Protein backbone atom coordinates (compact mmCIF):
# COMPACT_ATOMS: atom_id res chain seq x y z
CA MET A 1 136.00 52.95 181.50
CA ALA A 2 138.91 50.52 181.40
CA THR A 3 142.43 51.67 180.45
CA PHE A 4 145.09 49.61 178.69
CA HIS A 5 148.73 50.44 177.92
CA PHE A 6 150.76 49.21 174.94
CA ILE A 7 154.27 50.12 173.78
CA VAL A 8 155.50 49.86 170.20
CA THR A 9 159.09 50.48 169.16
CA SER A 10 158.87 51.26 165.44
CA PRO A 11 156.59 52.66 162.74
CA GLU A 12 156.15 49.11 161.43
CA GLU A 13 154.95 47.92 164.85
CA THR A 14 152.52 50.83 164.95
CA LEU A 15 151.01 49.67 161.66
CA ARG A 16 150.77 46.06 162.90
CA PHE A 17 149.13 47.20 166.13
CA ALA A 18 146.60 49.33 164.24
CA LYS A 19 145.88 46.47 161.82
CA LYS A 20 145.09 44.14 164.74
CA ILE A 21 142.48 46.64 165.92
CA GLY A 22 141.25 47.31 162.39
CA GLU A 23 140.63 43.61 161.72
CA LYS A 24 138.06 43.57 164.54
CA LEU A 25 136.18 46.72 163.55
CA GLN A 26 132.48 46.71 162.78
CA SER A 27 130.04 49.10 161.19
CA GLY A 28 129.43 52.10 163.45
CA ASP A 29 132.68 51.82 165.42
CA ILE A 30 134.30 55.01 166.67
CA ILE A 31 138.02 55.36 167.41
CA THR A 32 139.43 58.62 168.67
CA LEU A 33 143.10 59.51 168.44
CA ASP A 34 144.80 62.16 170.53
CA GLY A 35 148.43 63.04 171.18
CA GLY A 36 150.89 65.74 170.27
CA LEU A 37 152.01 66.74 166.80
CA GLY A 38 154.00 63.93 165.24
CA ALA A 39 152.72 61.32 167.71
CA GLY A 40 151.60 59.04 164.88
CA LYS A 41 147.84 59.54 164.65
CA THR A 42 147.70 59.49 160.85
CA HIS A 43 150.25 56.68 160.66
CA PHE A 44 148.06 54.63 163.02
CA THR A 45 145.05 55.37 160.80
CA LYS A 46 146.97 53.94 157.84
CA GLY A 47 147.14 50.64 159.70
CA ILE A 48 143.40 50.72 160.37
CA ALA A 49 142.83 51.46 156.67
CA ALA A 50 145.02 48.54 155.63
CA ALA A 51 142.97 46.18 157.81
CA LEU A 52 139.80 47.54 156.19
CA HIS A 53 141.28 46.86 152.71
CA VAL A 54 141.36 50.54 151.77
CA THR A 55 143.41 50.84 148.58
CA LYS A 56 143.75 54.64 148.36
CA THR A 57 146.59 56.45 150.08
CA VAL A 58 145.54 57.68 153.51
CA ASN A 59 146.83 61.07 154.55
CA SER A 60 145.92 63.72 157.07
CA PRO A 61 142.53 65.36 156.51
CA THR A 62 143.62 68.52 158.37
CA PHE A 63 142.33 70.96 155.77
CA THR A 64 139.36 68.94 154.51
CA ILE A 65 138.23 67.84 157.99
CA ILE A 66 136.75 64.53 156.74
CA LYS A 67 138.08 62.10 154.15
CA GLU A 68 136.09 59.05 153.13
CA TYR A 69 137.67 55.83 151.92
CA ASP A 70 136.06 52.68 150.52
CA GLY A 71 137.07 49.31 151.91
CA ARG A 72 135.58 46.29 153.70
CA LEU A 73 133.74 49.00 155.61
CA PRO A 74 133.77 52.69 154.72
CA LEU A 75 136.45 54.59 156.65
CA TYR A 76 135.64 58.13 157.74
CA HIS A 77 138.94 59.73 158.70
CA MET A 78 138.42 63.03 160.52
CA ASP A 79 140.80 65.69 161.77
CA VAL A 80 138.98 68.14 164.01
CA TYR A 81 142.08 70.10 165.08
CA ARG A 82 140.81 73.31 163.47
CA ILE A 83 137.20 72.91 164.64
CA GLU A 84 135.75 74.88 167.51
CA SER A 85 133.34 72.98 169.73
CA GLU A 86 130.33 74.99 168.58
CA GLU A 87 131.21 74.32 164.91
CA ALA A 88 131.19 70.56 165.44
CA ASP A 89 127.43 70.57 165.80
CA GLU A 90 127.07 72.18 162.36
CA LEU A 91 129.23 69.61 160.56
CA GLY A 92 126.70 66.78 160.85
CA LEU A 93 129.19 64.46 162.52
CA GLU A 94 126.39 62.37 164.02
CA GLU A 95 125.52 61.20 160.48
CA TYR A 96 129.00 59.66 160.28
CA PHE A 97 128.82 58.31 163.83
CA GLU A 98 125.56 56.55 163.03
CA GLY A 99 126.64 55.50 159.52
CA LYS A 100 127.69 52.15 158.10
CA GLY A 101 131.39 52.83 158.36
CA VAL A 102 134.18 53.25 160.89
CA CYS A 103 135.09 56.71 162.21
CA VAL A 104 138.67 57.50 163.14
CA ILE A 105 138.86 60.98 164.65
CA GLU A 106 142.15 62.80 165.19
CA TRP A 107 142.26 65.49 167.91
CA ALA A 108 138.92 64.21 169.22
CA GLU A 109 139.46 65.83 172.62
CA LYS A 110 138.16 69.02 170.97
CA ILE A 111 134.70 67.52 170.39
CA THR A 112 134.30 65.11 173.32
CA GLU A 113 130.78 66.29 174.12
CA PHE A 114 129.58 65.26 170.63
CA LEU A 115 131.05 61.76 170.68
CA PRO A 116 128.97 58.61 171.23
CA LYS A 117 129.39 56.96 174.63
CA GLU A 118 130.57 53.66 173.08
CA ARG A 119 134.02 54.28 171.61
CA LEU A 120 137.69 53.49 171.86
CA GLU A 121 139.82 56.47 172.86
CA ILE A 122 143.51 56.18 172.06
CA TYR A 123 146.12 58.57 173.37
CA ILE A 124 149.52 58.27 171.69
CA GLU A 125 152.58 59.47 173.56
CA ARG A 126 155.72 60.02 171.51
CA HIS A 127 159.12 59.28 173.02
CA PRO A 128 162.55 60.55 171.83
CA THR A 129 163.20 57.27 170.02
CA GLU A 130 160.69 55.74 167.61
CA GLU A 131 158.92 54.29 170.63
CA ARG A 132 155.26 55.14 171.12
CA HIS A 133 153.07 54.50 174.15
CA PHE A 134 149.43 53.82 173.38
CA TYR A 135 146.87 54.37 176.13
CA LEU A 136 143.56 52.81 175.17
CA HIS A 137 140.45 53.89 177.06
CA ALA A 138 137.64 51.44 176.40
CA HIS A 139 134.17 52.97 176.66
CA GLY A 140 131.80 50.01 176.60
CA THR A 141 132.06 46.26 177.08
CA ARG A 142 132.82 45.51 173.43
CA TRP A 143 135.84 47.78 173.48
CA LYS A 144 136.99 46.41 176.83
CA LYS A 145 136.86 42.88 175.43
CA LEU A 146 138.79 43.93 172.32
CA CYS A 147 141.52 45.54 174.48
CA GLU A 148 141.72 42.44 176.68
CA GLU A 149 142.25 40.34 173.53
CA LEU A 150 145.03 42.70 172.46
CA GLU A 151 146.67 42.29 175.87
CA GLU A 152 146.69 38.53 175.41
CA ASP A 153 148.41 38.82 172.00
CA GLU A 154 152.06 38.02 172.59
CA ASN A 155 153.08 39.96 169.46
CA ILE A 156 152.16 43.29 171.06
CA SER A 157 154.35 44.90 173.70
CA ASN A 158 152.84 45.91 177.03
């Protein structure tokens, strides 16, 4: 697993950063998002959705667990904060993981054992200002290559 670090200084930069990742997404891709309350997980997902040409408003699926959006690829936005590990098996998450869309999973650390090996894990660390630190953990060569391309992009802070 390779780890990459990026810093953004505003909500607008967060959206741009997420869009850059979203533009490269393919069917079956899995992105996990972890970080404290208010770190920007849902805001980041809005950037992914914009890159996928999702036209509906994206908001937190905390109480519905999974929200589906149509776009260039289907977006499956999940929030597993309220799920216990043993419940995850009953939700049929693997059907989404193996589907034709992109899965973005908030609070994924709660279901790590159910996640596919190939994925991009993102941990968002919130700072007192609007600054956010993004730690990307690339599981698989495709994700490592994508992160290396992001590092080379001069429009993203490192």
